[in-house]
Amino acid sequence: MNLRKALDRAKKEREQSNGISGETSSKHRDAANQGWQAPVYSESAKVPINVDVAIRNHCVALADSFTENNYYKVLRTQLRNIGKNKNWKTMMVTSASPKDGKTVTAINLAATFAREYNQTALLVDADLRMQMVCRYLGYGGCPGLLDYLEGQAEMKDIITWPGIEKLTIISGDRVVDDSSELIASPRMQSLMEELKHRYDDRLVIFDAPPILGVADALAFAPLVDCIVLVVGSGITDRNDLKEAIGLLPQEKIAGIVFNRHKGPNKLYERYGYRYGRKVA
């Protein structure tokens, strides 16, 4: 119910805004007269989130009233501190193996960054073998990254607005079995440059494929500024984790998120998170 109220409020505020069109670039805002302003996404396709599905899939950071959001705020602060002087624009969220919780982490982390006063966030579903972002949020039928890489859509056609202030999403329905070549393609490199430099205030978060078993994440790693590795408590094998870390460019690993960590407070057991930099 809290998430539903938040979405309804965002919709009402958006309907009250008139006379503004397009996604306003931070490079062209009148900062001197008006200060920082959140962009208006009237040119992006609006996709309705299925609130019940989003809540069931633990996408708690879409509204600020869930207690579990404190973990994501801590994670956001830690990532900010680590990247303070590094000017990170793009972040890859991945895991050693499937089912570690990387997609939920990416969704909640993107929504948490979008809550900062002068920050916008774009969440990109880059797991072309199993796109799950739109499914976790309960919508479908949109063109995604795969459509762009195959030349069937342009960037303006794949960015959607879920009705959440300062958050946009790229996620489609289609999947492909052999996607590493597409990720390493010149068209993907061109898109990355566009996403990095088009908006000064935007952080782009990629929900990337798992590292082990396929080459997709390894092909993606050179394209991003930093990497967050999600580890499922009681799920991720320690040897798999060490192997995954060894395959990634070490200088880009921002840290490790321990998902579903069971802390002393039972209220938080389901959504518990810890953050670290090393694995013993």
C-alpha atoms as a PDB file:
ATOM      1  CA  MET A   1       0.000   0.000   0.000  1.00  0.00           C
ATOM      2  CA  ASN A   2       2.887   2.423   0.728  1.00  0.00           C
ATOM      3  CA  LEU A   3       4.354   1.840  -2.722  1.00  0.00           C
ATOM      4  CA  ARG A   4       0.950   2.348  -4.335  1.00  0.00           C
ATOM      5  CA  LYS A   5       0.521   5.686  -2.546  1.00  0.00           C
ATOM      6  CA  ALA A   6       3.975   6.799  -3.646  1.00  0.00           C
ATOM      7  CA  LEU A   7       3.242   5.965  -7.275  1.00  0.00           C
ATOM      8  CA  ASP A   8      -0.134   7.704  -7.146  1.00  0.00           C
ATOM      9  CA  ARG A   9       1.467  10.800  -5.654  1.00  0.00           C
ATOM     10  CA  ALA A  10       4.147  10.871  -8.358  1.00  0.00           C
ATOM     11  CA  LYS A  11       1.449  10.556 -11.012  1.00  0.00           C
ATOM     12  CA  LYS A  12      -0.543  13.425  -9.529  1.00  0.00           C
ATOM     13  CA  GLU A  13       2.509  15.680  -9.368  1.00  0.00           C
ATOM     14  CA  ARG A  14       3.398  14.835 -12.968  1.00  0.00           C
ATOM     15  CA  GLU A  15      -0.129  15.636 -14.167  1.00  0.00           C
ATOM     16  CA  GLN A  16       0.052  19.005 -12.423  1.00  0.00           C
ATOM     17  CA  SER A  17       3.239  19.891 -14.336  1.00  0.00           C
ATOM     18  CA  ASN A  18       2.452  21.487 -17.686  1.00  0.00           C
ATOM     19  CA  GLY A  19       4.275  23.512 -20.287  1.00  0.00           C
ATOM     20  CA  ILE A  20       7.370  21.315 -20.006  1.00  0.00           C
ATOM     21  CA  SER A  21       8.375  18.737 -22.599  1.00  0.00           C
ATOM     22  CA  GLY A  22      11.228  16.335 -23.143  1.00  0.00           C
ATOM     23  CA  GLU A  23      13.921  14.975 -20.845  1.00  0.00           C
ATOM     24  CA  THR A  24      15.723  18.138 -19.854  1.00  0.00           C
ATOM     25  CA  SER A  25      19.518  17.851 -20.035  1.00  0.00           C
ATOM     26  CA  SER A  26      21.400  19.080 -16.976  1.00  0.00           C
ATOM     27  CA  LYS A  27      23.770  20.838 -19.367  1.00  0.00           C
ATOM     28  CA  HIS A  28      20.935  23.115 -20.486  1.00  0.00           C
ATOM     29  CA  ARG A  29      19.210  23.867 -17.168  1.00  0.00           C
ATOM     30  CA  ASP A  30      19.190  27.442 -15.984  1.00  0.00           C
ATOM     31  CA  ALA A  31      21.023  26.693 -12.772  1.00  0.00           C
ATOM     32  CA  ALA A  32      21.597  30.323 -11.917  1.00  0.00           C
ATOM     33  CA  ASN A  33      17.909  31.275 -11.911  1.00  0.00           C
ATOM     34  CA  GLN A  34      16.121  28.086 -10.902  1.00  0.00           C
ATOM     35  CA  GLY A  35      18.648  25.780  -9.244  1.00  0.00           C
ATOM     36  CA  TRP A  36      18.691  22.070  -9.959  1.00  0.00           C
ATOM     37  CA  GLN A  37      15.465  20.669 -11.431  1.00  0.00           C
ATOM     38  CA  ALA A  38      14.422  17.084 -11.955  1.00  0.00           C
ATOM     39  CA  PRO A  39      13.838  16.224 -15.627  1.00  0.00           C
ATOM     40  CA  VAL A  40      10.375  15.639 -17.023  1.00  0.00           C
ATOM     41  CA  TYR A  41      10.021  12.475 -19.069  1.00  0.00           C
ATOM     42  CA  SER A  42       7.148  13.402 -21.351  1.00  0.00           C
ATOM     43  CA  GLU A  43       8.966  11.998 -24.391  1.00  0.00           C
ATOM     44  CA  SER A  44       9.739   8.651 -22.752  1.00  0.00           C
ATOM     45  CA  ALA A  45       7.136   5.919 -22.919  1.00  0.00           C
ATOM     46  CA  LYS A  46       5.366   5.637 -19.594  1.00  0.00           C
ATOM     47  CA  VAL A  47       5.031   2.079 -18.321  1.00  0.00           C
ATOM     48  CA  PRO A  48       2.654   1.255 -15.466  1.00  0.00           C
ATOM     49  CA  ILE A  49       4.292  -0.718 -12.682  1.00  0.00           C
ATOM     50  CA  ASN A  50       2.238  -3.555 -11.226  1.00  0.00           C
ATOM     51  CA  VAL A  51       2.498  -2.593  -7.565  1.00  0.00           C
ATOM     52  CA  ASP A  52       1.573  -6.018  -6.206  1.00  0.00           C
ATOM     53  CA  VAL A  53       4.171  -7.730  -8.396  1.00  0.00           C
ATOM     54  CA  ALA A  54       6.864  -5.192  -7.479  1.00  0.00           C
ATOM     55  CA  ILE A  55       6.253  -5.627  -3.758  1.00  0.00           C
ATOM     56  CA  ARG A  56       6.173  -9.409  -4.083  1.00  0.00           C
ATOM     57  CA  ASN A  57       9.560  -9.247  -5.793  1.00  0.00           C
ATOM     58  CA  HIS A  58      11.009  -7.108  -2.959  1.00  0.00           C
ATOM     59  CA  CYS A  59      11.425  -3.916  -5.005  1.00  0.00           C
ATOM     60  CA  VAL A  60      11.106  -1.936  -1.785  1.00  0.00           C
ATOM     61  CA  ALA A  61      13.160   1.130  -2.734  1.00  0.00           C
ATOM     62  CA  LEU A  62      10.480   2.370  -5.139  1.00  0.00           C
ATOM     63  CA  ALA A  63       8.872   4.014  -2.099  1.00  0.00           C
ATOM     64  CA  ASP A  64      10.615   5.596   0.876  1.00  0.00           C
ATOM     65  CA  SER A  65       8.388   4.121   3.592  1.00  0.00           C
ATOM     66  CA  PHE A  66       9.924   0.644   3.761  1.00  0.00           C
ATOM     67  CA  THR A  67      12.340   0.156   6.646  1.00  0.00           C
ATOM     68  CA  GLU A  68      14.532  -2.056   4.474  1.00  0.00           C
ATOM     69  CA  ASN A  69      15.509   0.990   2.429  1.00  0.00           C
ATOM     70  CA  ASN A  70      18.039   1.880   5.130  1.00  0.00           C
ATOM     71  CA  TYR A  71      20.306  -0.865   3.822  1.00  0.00           C
ATOM     72  CA  TYR A  72      20.260   0.569   0.317  1.00  0.00           C
ATOM     73  CA  LYS A  73      20.912   4.065   1.612  1.00  0.00           C
ATOM     74  CA  VAL A  74      23.969   2.775   3.457  1.00  0.00           C
ATOM     75  CA  LEU A  75      25.116   0.996   0.304  1.00  0.00           C
ATOM     76  CA  ARG A  76      24.588   4.155  -1.731  1.00  0.00           C
ATOM     77  CA  THR A  77      26.632   6.183   0.756  1.00  0.00           C
ATOM     78  CA  GLN A  78      29.468   3.664   0.739  1.00  0.00           C
ATOM     79  CA  LEU A  79      29.570   3.609  -3.042  1.00  0.00           C
ATOM     80  CA  ARG A  80      29.556   7.405  -3.092  1.00  0.00           C
ATOM     81  CA  ASN A  81      32.473   7.517  -0.665  1.00  0.00           C
ATOM     82  CA  ILE A  82      34.519   4.983  -2.630  1.00  0.00           C
ATOM     83  CA  GLY A  83      33.871   6.729  -5.938  1.00  0.00           C
ATOM     84  CA  LYS A  84      34.121  10.250  -4.558  1.00  0.00           C
ATOM     85  CA  ASN A  85      37.036  11.301  -6.748  1.00  0.00           C
ATOM     86  CA  LYS A  86      36.475   8.848  -9.594  1.00  0.00           C
ATOM     87  CA  ASN A  87      33.536  10.459 -11.420  1.00  0.00           C
ATOM     88  CA  TRP A  88      31.654   7.189 -11.861  1.00  0.00           C
ATOM     89  CA  LYS A  89      28.889   7.424 -14.442  1.00  0.00           C
ATOM     90  CA  THR A  90      28.220   3.742 -15.140  1.00  0.00           C
ATOM     91  CA  MET A  91      27.903   0.845 -12.706  1.00  0.00           C
ATOM     92  CA  MET A  92      27.523  -2.857 -13.420  1.00  0.00           C
ATOM     93  CA  VAL A  93      25.653  -5.042 -10.921  1.00  0.00           C
ATOM     94  CA  THR A  94      26.424  -8.715 -11.365  1.00  0.00           C
ATOM     95  CA  SER A  95      26.914 -11.978  -9.464  1.00  0.00           C
ATOM     96  CA  ALA A  96      28.898 -15.158  -9.733  1.00  0.00           C
ATOM     97  CA  SER A  97      25.845 -17.296 -10.513  1.00  0.00           C
ATOM     98  CA  PRO A  98      22.082 -16.899 -11.013  1.00  0.00           C
ATOM     99  CA  LYS A  99      19.671 -16.514  -8.076  1.00  0.00           C
ATOM    100  CA  ASP A 100      22.048 -14.417  -5.969  1.00  0.00           C
ATOM    101  CA  GLY A 101      19.691 -11.417  -6.124  1.00  0.00           C
ATOM    102  CA  LYS A 102      21.524  -9.152  -8.561  1.00  0.00           C
ATOM    103  CA  THR A 103      18.374  -7.939 -10.354  1.00  0.00           C
ATOM    104  CA  VAL A 104      16.552  -6.965  -7.157  1.00  0.00           C
ATOM    105  CA  THR A 105      19.718  -5.258  -5.930  1.00  0.00           C
ATOM    106  CA  ALA A 106      20.075  -3.343  -9.207  1.00  0.00           C
ATOM    107  CA  ILE A 107      16.439  -2.185  -9.142  1.00  0.00           C
ATOM    108  CA  ASN A 108      16.553  -1.046  -5.534  1.00  0.00           C
ATOM    109  CA  LEU A 109      19.963   0.559  -5.894  1.00  0.00           C
ATOM    110  CA  ALA A 110      18.858   2.550  -8.961  1.00  0.00           C
ATOM    111  CA  ALA A 111      15.736   3.765  -7.153  1.00  0.00           C
ATOM    112  CA  THR A 112      17.826   4.721  -4.109  1.00  0.00           C
ATOM    113  CA  PHE A 113      20.298   6.756  -6.156  1.00  0.00           C
ATOM    114  CA  ALA A 114      17.375   8.491  -7.879  1.00  0.00           C
ATOM    115  CA  ARG A 115      16.202   9.743  -4.473  1.00  0.00           C
ATOM    116  CA  GLU A 116      19.241  11.975  -4.081  1.00  0.00           C
ATOM    117  CA  TYR A 117      18.433  15.652  -4.541  1.00  0.00           C
ATOM    118  CA  ASN A 118      20.520  16.342  -7.636  1.00  0.00           C
ATOM    119  CA  GLN A 119      20.777  12.821  -9.031  1.00  0.00           C
ATOM    120  CA  THR A 120      18.901  10.934 -11.736  1.00  0.00           C
ATOM    121  CA  ALA A 121      19.294   7.236 -12.478  1.00  0.00           C
ATOM    122  CA  LEU A 122      18.841   5.040 -15.527  1.00  0.00           C
ATOM    123  CA  LEU A 123      18.466   1.298 -14.937  1.00  0.00           C
ATOM    124  CA  VAL A 124      19.431  -0.831 -17.936  1.00  0.00           C
ATOM    125  CA  ASP A 125      18.521  -4.511 -18.167  1.00  0.00           C
ATOM    126  CA  ALA A 126      21.686  -5.826 -19.810  1.00  0.00           C
ATOM    127  CA  ASP A 127      21.080  -9.527 -19.129  1.00  0.00           C
ATOM    128  CA  LEU A 128      20.051 -10.280 -22.689  1.00  0.00           C
ATOM    129  CA  ARG A 129      19.728 -14.009 -22.052  1.00  0.00           C
ATOM    130  CA  MET A 130      17.150 -13.515 -19.292  1.00  0.00           C
ATOM    131  CA  GLN A 131      15.731  -9.996 -19.036  1.00  0.00           C
ATOM    132  CA  MET A 132      13.966  -9.774 -15.691  1.00  0.00           C
ATOM    133  CA  VAL A 133      13.709  -6.108 -14.685  1.00  0.00           C
ATOM    134  CA  CYS A 134      10.379  -5.507 -16.421  1.00  0.00           C
ATOM    135  CA  ARG A 135       9.061  -8.820 -15.084  1.00  0.00           C
ATOM    136  CA  TYR A 136      10.040  -7.949 -11.525  1.00  0.00           C
ATOM    137  CA  LEU A 137       8.136  -4.683 -11.912  1.00  0.00           C
ATOM    138  CA  GLY A 138       5.144  -6.343 -13.549  1.00  0.00           C
ATOM    139  CA  TYR A 139       5.105  -4.844 -17.029  1.00  0.00           C
ATOM    140  CA  GLY A 140       6.102  -5.921 -20.514  1.00  0.00           C
ATOM    141  CA  GLY A 141       5.761  -5.250 -24.202  1.00  0.00           C
ATOM    142  CA  CYS A 142       8.554  -2.667 -24.388  1.00  0.00           C
ATOM    143  CA  PRO A 143      11.563  -2.694 -26.713  1.00  0.00           C
ATOM    144  CA  GLY A 144      14.823  -3.056 -24.826  1.00  0.00           C
ATOM    145  CA  LEU A 145      18.581  -3.123 -25.165  1.00  0.00           C
ATOM    146  CA  LEU A 146      18.463  -6.139 -27.475  1.00  0.00           C
ATOM    147  CA  ASP A 147      16.214  -4.265 -29.919  1.00  0.00           C
ATOM    148  CA  TYR A 148      18.669  -1.363 -29.954  1.00  0.00           C
ATOM    149  CA  LEU A 149      21.754  -3.540 -30.467  1.00  0.00           C
ATOM    150  CA  GLU A 150      20.088  -5.373 -33.330  1.00  0.00           C
ATOM    151  CA  GLY A 151      19.223  -2.056 -34.987  1.00  0.00           C
ATOM    152  CA  GLN A 152      15.479  -2.450 -34.555  1.00  0.00           C
ATOM    153  CA  ALA A 153      15.079   0.587 -32.269  1.00  0.00           C
ATOM    154  CA  GLU A 154      16.871   3.823 -31.385  1.00  0.00           C
ATOM    155  CA  MET A 155      17.779   4.950 -27.892  1.00  0.00           C
ATOM    156  CA  LYS A 156      14.798   7.282 -27.594  1.00  0.00           C
ATOM    157  CA  ASP A 157      12.515   4.315 -28.321  1.00  0.00           C
ATOM    158  CA  ILE A 158      13.790   2.077 -25.522  1.00  0.00           C
ATOM    159  CA  ILE A 159      13.906   4.445 -22.526  1.00  0.00           C
ATOM    160  CA  THR A 160      10.771   4.158 -20.399  1.00  0.00           C
ATOM    161  CA  TRP A 161       9.532   6.091 -17.376  1.00  0.00           C
ATOM    162  CA  PRO A 162       7.873   4.018 -14.613  1.00  0.00           C
ATOM    163  CA  GLY A 163       6.237   6.992 -12.905  1.00  0.00           C
ATOM    164  CA  ILE A 164       9.010   7.207 -10.299  1.00  0.00           C
ATOM    165  CA  GLU A 165      10.613  10.618  -9.962  1.00  0.00           C
ATOM    166  CA  LYS A 166      14.081  10.839 -11.590  1.00  0.00           C
ATOM    167  CA  LEU A 167      14.198   7.150 -12.548  1.00  0.00           C
ATOM    168  CA  THR A 168      14.086   5.748 -16.080  1.00  0.00           C
ATOM    169  CA  ILE A 169      14.411   2.142 -17.234  1.00  0.00           C
ATOM    170  CA  ILE A 170      15.504   0.174 -20.280  1.00  0.00           C
ATOM    171  CA  SER A 171      14.144  -3.374 -20.176  1.00  0.00           C
ATOM    172  CA  GLY A 172      12.544  -5.494 -22.873  1.00  0.00           C
ATOM    173  CA  ASP A 173      10.819  -8.839 -23.314  1.00  0.00           C
ATOM    174  CA  ARG A 174      13.030 -10.412 -25.945  1.00  0.00           C
ATOM    175  CA  VAL A 175      16.022 -12.615 -25.110  1.00  0.00           C
ATOM    176  CA  VAL A 176      18.854 -14.143 -27.102  1.00  0.00           C
ATOM    177  CA  ASP A 177      21.103 -17.133 -26.409  1.00  0.00           C
ATOM    178  CA  ASP A 178      24.319 -15.731 -27.863  1.00  0.00           C
ATOM    179  CA  SER A 179      24.642 -12.142 -26.715  1.00  0.00           C
ATOM    180  CA  SER A 180      28.326 -11.601 -25.891  1.00  0.00           C
ATOM    181  CA  GLU A 181      29.040 -10.440 -29.457  1.00  0.00           C
ATOM    182  CA  LEU A 182      26.251  -7.881 -29.251  1.00  0.00           C
ATOM    183  CA  ILE A 183      27.583  -6.555 -25.941  1.00  0.00           C
ATOM    184  CA  ALA A 184      31.054  -6.143 -27.423  1.00  0.00           C
ATOM    185  CA  SER A 185      29.722  -4.563 -30.635  1.00  0.00           C
ATOM    186  CA  PRO A 186      30.489  -1.004 -31.824  1.00  0.00           C
ATOM    187  CA  ARG A 187      26.796  -0.144 -31.404  1.00  0.00           C
ATOM    188  CA  MET A 188      27.005  -1.021 -27.699  1.00  0.00           C
ATOM    189  CA  GLN A 189      30.153   1.061 -27.289  1.00  0.00           C
ATOM    190  CA  SER A 190      28.444   3.987 -28.985  1.00  0.00           C
ATOM    191  CA  LEU A 191      25.453   3.667 -26.667  1.00  0.00           C
ATOM    192  CA  MET A 192      27.713   3.607 -23.606  1.00  0.00           C
ATOM    193  CA  GLU A 193      29.400   6.836 -24.666  1.00  0.00           C
ATOM    194  CA  GLU A 194      26.015   8.472 -25.200  1.00  0.00           C
ATOM    195  CA  LEU A 195      24.697   7.337 -21.817  1.00  0.00           C
ATOM    196  CA  LYS A 196      27.848   8.438 -20.003  1.00  0.00           C
ATOM    197  CA  HIS A 197      28.035  11.952 -21.371  1.00  0.00           C
ATOM    198  CA  ARG A 198      24.512  13.052 -22.265  1.00  0.00           C
ATOM    199  CA  TYR A 199      23.456  14.024 -18.712  1.00  0.00           C
ATOM    200  CA  ASP A 200      25.841  15.286 -16.055  1.00  0.00           C
ATOM    201  CA  ASP A 201      23.628  14.210 -13.171  1.00  0.00           C
ATOM    202  CA  ARG A 202      22.750  10.689 -14.306  1.00  0.00           C
ATOM    203  CA  LEU A 203      24.124   7.424 -12.981  1.00  0.00           C
ATOM    204  CA  VAL A 204      23.547   4.453 -15.287  1.00  0.00           C
ATOM    205  CA  ILE A 205      23.172   1.114 -13.505  1.00  0.00           C
ATOM    206  CA  PHE A 206      23.352  -2.073 -15.565  1.00  0.00           C
ATOM    207  CA  ASP A 207      21.805  -5.326 -14.406  1.00  0.00           C
ATOM    208  CA  ALA A 208      24.412  -7.549 -16.063  1.00  0.00           C
ATOM    209  CA  PRO A 209      24.465 -11.342 -16.563  1.00  0.00           C
ATOM    210  CA  PRO A 210      26.160 -13.631 -14.032  1.00  0.00           C
ATOM    211  CA  ILE A 211      29.907 -13.965 -14.493  1.00  0.00           C
ATOM    212  CA  LEU A 212      30.392 -17.723 -14.597  1.00  0.00           C
ATOM    213  CA  GLY A 213      29.255 -19.905 -17.476  1.00  0.00           C
ATOM    214  CA  VAL A 214      28.887 -17.218 -20.156  1.00  0.00           C
ATOM    215  CA  ALA A 215      31.137 -14.491 -21.530  1.00  0.00           C
ATOM    216  CA  ASP A 216      28.586 -11.660 -21.409  1.00  0.00           C
ATOM    217  CA  ALA A 217      29.596 -10.062 -18.107  1.00  0.00           C
ATOM    218  CA  LEU A 218      33.278 -10.257 -18.990  1.00  0.00           C
ATOM    219  CA  ALA A 219      32.565  -8.528 -22.291  1.00  0.00           C
ATOM    220  CA  PHE A 220      30.571  -5.874 -20.426  1.00  0.00           C
ATOM    221  CA  ALA A 221      33.118  -5.168 -17.679  1.00  0.00           C
ATOM    222  CA  PRO A 222      35.503  -3.039 -19.811  1.00  0.00           C
ATOM    223  CA  LEU A 223      32.637  -0.720 -20.756  1.00  0.00           C
ATOM    224  CA  VAL A 224      31.638   0.391 -17.229  1.00  0.00           C
ATOM    225  CA  ASP A 225      33.310   2.548 -14.590  1.00  0.00           C
ATOM    226  CA  CYS A 226      32.743   0.233 -11.625  1.00  0.00           C
ATOM    227  CA  ILE A 227      31.348  -3.164 -10.662  1.00  0.00           C
ATOM    228  CA  VAL A 228      29.201  -4.255  -7.718  1.00  0.00           C
ATOM    229  CA  LEU A 229      29.205  -7.989  -7.072  1.00  0.00           C
ATOM    230  CA  VAL A 230      26.130  -9.484  -5.367  1.00  0.00           C
ATOM    231  CA  VAL A 231      26.561 -12.575  -3.204  1.00  0.00           C
ATOM    232  CA  GLY A 232      23.557 -14.576  -2.047  1.00  0.00           C
ATOM    233  CA  SER A 233      23.912 -15.628   1.576  1.00  0.00           C
ATOM    234  CA  GLY A 234      23.676 -19.422   1.659  1.00  0.00           C
ATOM    235  CA  ILE A 235      23.470 -19.512  -2.145  1.00  0.00           C
ATOM    236  CA  THR A 236      26.798 -18.417  -3.607  1.00  0.00           C
ATOM    237  CA  ASP A 237      29.555 -21.008  -3.475  1.00  0.00           C
ATOM    238  CA  ARG A 238      32.788 -19.582  -2.035  1.00  0.00           C
ATOM    239  CA  ASN A 239      34.933 -21.101  -4.768  1.00  0.00           C
ATOM    240  CA  ASP A 240      32.603 -19.718  -7.432  1.00  0.00           C
ATOM    241  CA  LEU A 241      32.876 -16.293  -5.834  1.00  0.00           C
ATOM    242  CA  LYS A 242      36.679 -16.387  -5.813  1.00  0.00           C
ATOM    243  CA  GLU A 243      36.703 -17.495  -9.445  1.00  0.00           C
ATOM    244  CA  ALA A 244      34.298 -14.713 -10.428  1.00  0.00           C
ATOM    245  CA  ILE A 245      36.361 -12.060  -8.655  1.00  0.00           C
ATOM    246  CA  GLY A 246      39.495 -13.321 -10.380  1.00  0.00           C
ATOM    247  CA  LEU A 247      37.895 -12.907 -13.802  1.00  0.00           C
ATOM    248  CA  LEU A 248      36.923  -9.262 -13.274  1.00  0.00           C
ATOM    249  CA  PRO A 249      39.208  -6.230 -13.651  1.00  0.00           C
ATOM    250  CA  GLN A 250      40.259  -5.727 -10.038  1.00  0.00           C
ATOM    251  CA  GLU A 251      40.523  -1.952 -10.237  1.00  0.00           C
ATOM    252  CA  LYS A 252      36.838  -1.707 -11.143  1.00  0.00           C
ATOM    253  CA  ILE A 253      35.404  -3.803  -8.298  1.00  0.00           C
ATOM    254  CA  ALA A 254      33.712  -1.296  -5.996  1.00  0.00           C
ATOM    255  CA  GLY A 255      32.724  -3.960  -3.495  1.00  0.00           C
ATOM    256  CA  ILE A 256      30.596  -6.961  -2.622  1.00  0.00           C
ATOM    257  CA  VAL A 257      26.985  -6.878  -1.471  1.00  0.00           C
ATOM    258  CA  PHE A 258      25.912  -9.768   0.751  1.00  0.00           C
ATOM    259  CA  ASN A 259      22.255 -10.289  -0.090  1.00  0.00           C
ATOM    260  CA  ARG A 260      19.805 -11.926   2.331  1.00  0.00           C
ATOM    261  CA  HIS A 261      22.244 -11.704   5.203  1.00  0.00           C
ATOM    262  CA  LYS A 262      20.561 -12.815   8.412  1.00  0.00           C
ATOM    263  CA  GLY A 263      21.360 -10.271  11.050  1.00  0.00           C
ATOM    264  CA  PRO A 264      20.320 -10.145  14.710  1.00  0.00           C
ATOM    265  CA  ASN A 265      17.037  -8.372  13.945  1.00  0.00           C
ATOM    266  CA  LYS A 266      14.554 -10.877  12.543  1.00  0.00           C
ATOM    267  CA  LEU A 267      12.562  -8.090  10.908  1.00  0.00           C
ATOM    268  CA  TYR A 268      15.427  -7.559   8.479  1.00  0.00           C
ATOM    269  CA  GLU A 269      16.406 -11.149   7.827  1.00  0.00           C
ATOM    270  CA  ARG A 270      14.672 -11.357   4.477  1.00  0.00           C
ATOM    271  CA  TYR A 271      16.130  -8.181   3.089  1.00  0.00           C
ATOM    272  CA  GLY A 272      19.418  -8.033   4.996  1.00  0.00           C
ATOM    273  CA  TYR A 273      22.474  -6.578   3.277  1.00  0.00           C
ATOM    274  CA  ARG A 274      26.101  -6.239   4.200  1.00  0.00           C
ATOM    275  CA  TYR A 275      28.829  -4.573   2.237  1.00  0.00           C
ATOM    276  CA  GLY A 276      32.477  -5.533   1.920  1.00  0.00           C
ATOM    277  CA  ARG A 277      35.569  -5.339  -0.255  1.00  0.00           C
ATOM    278  CA  LYS A 278      37.392  -8.658   0.352  1.00  0.00           C
ATOM    279  CA  VAL A 279      36.683 -12.343   0.467  1.00  0.00           C
ATOM    280  CA  ALA A 280      38.819 -14.489   2.759  1.00  0.00           C
END
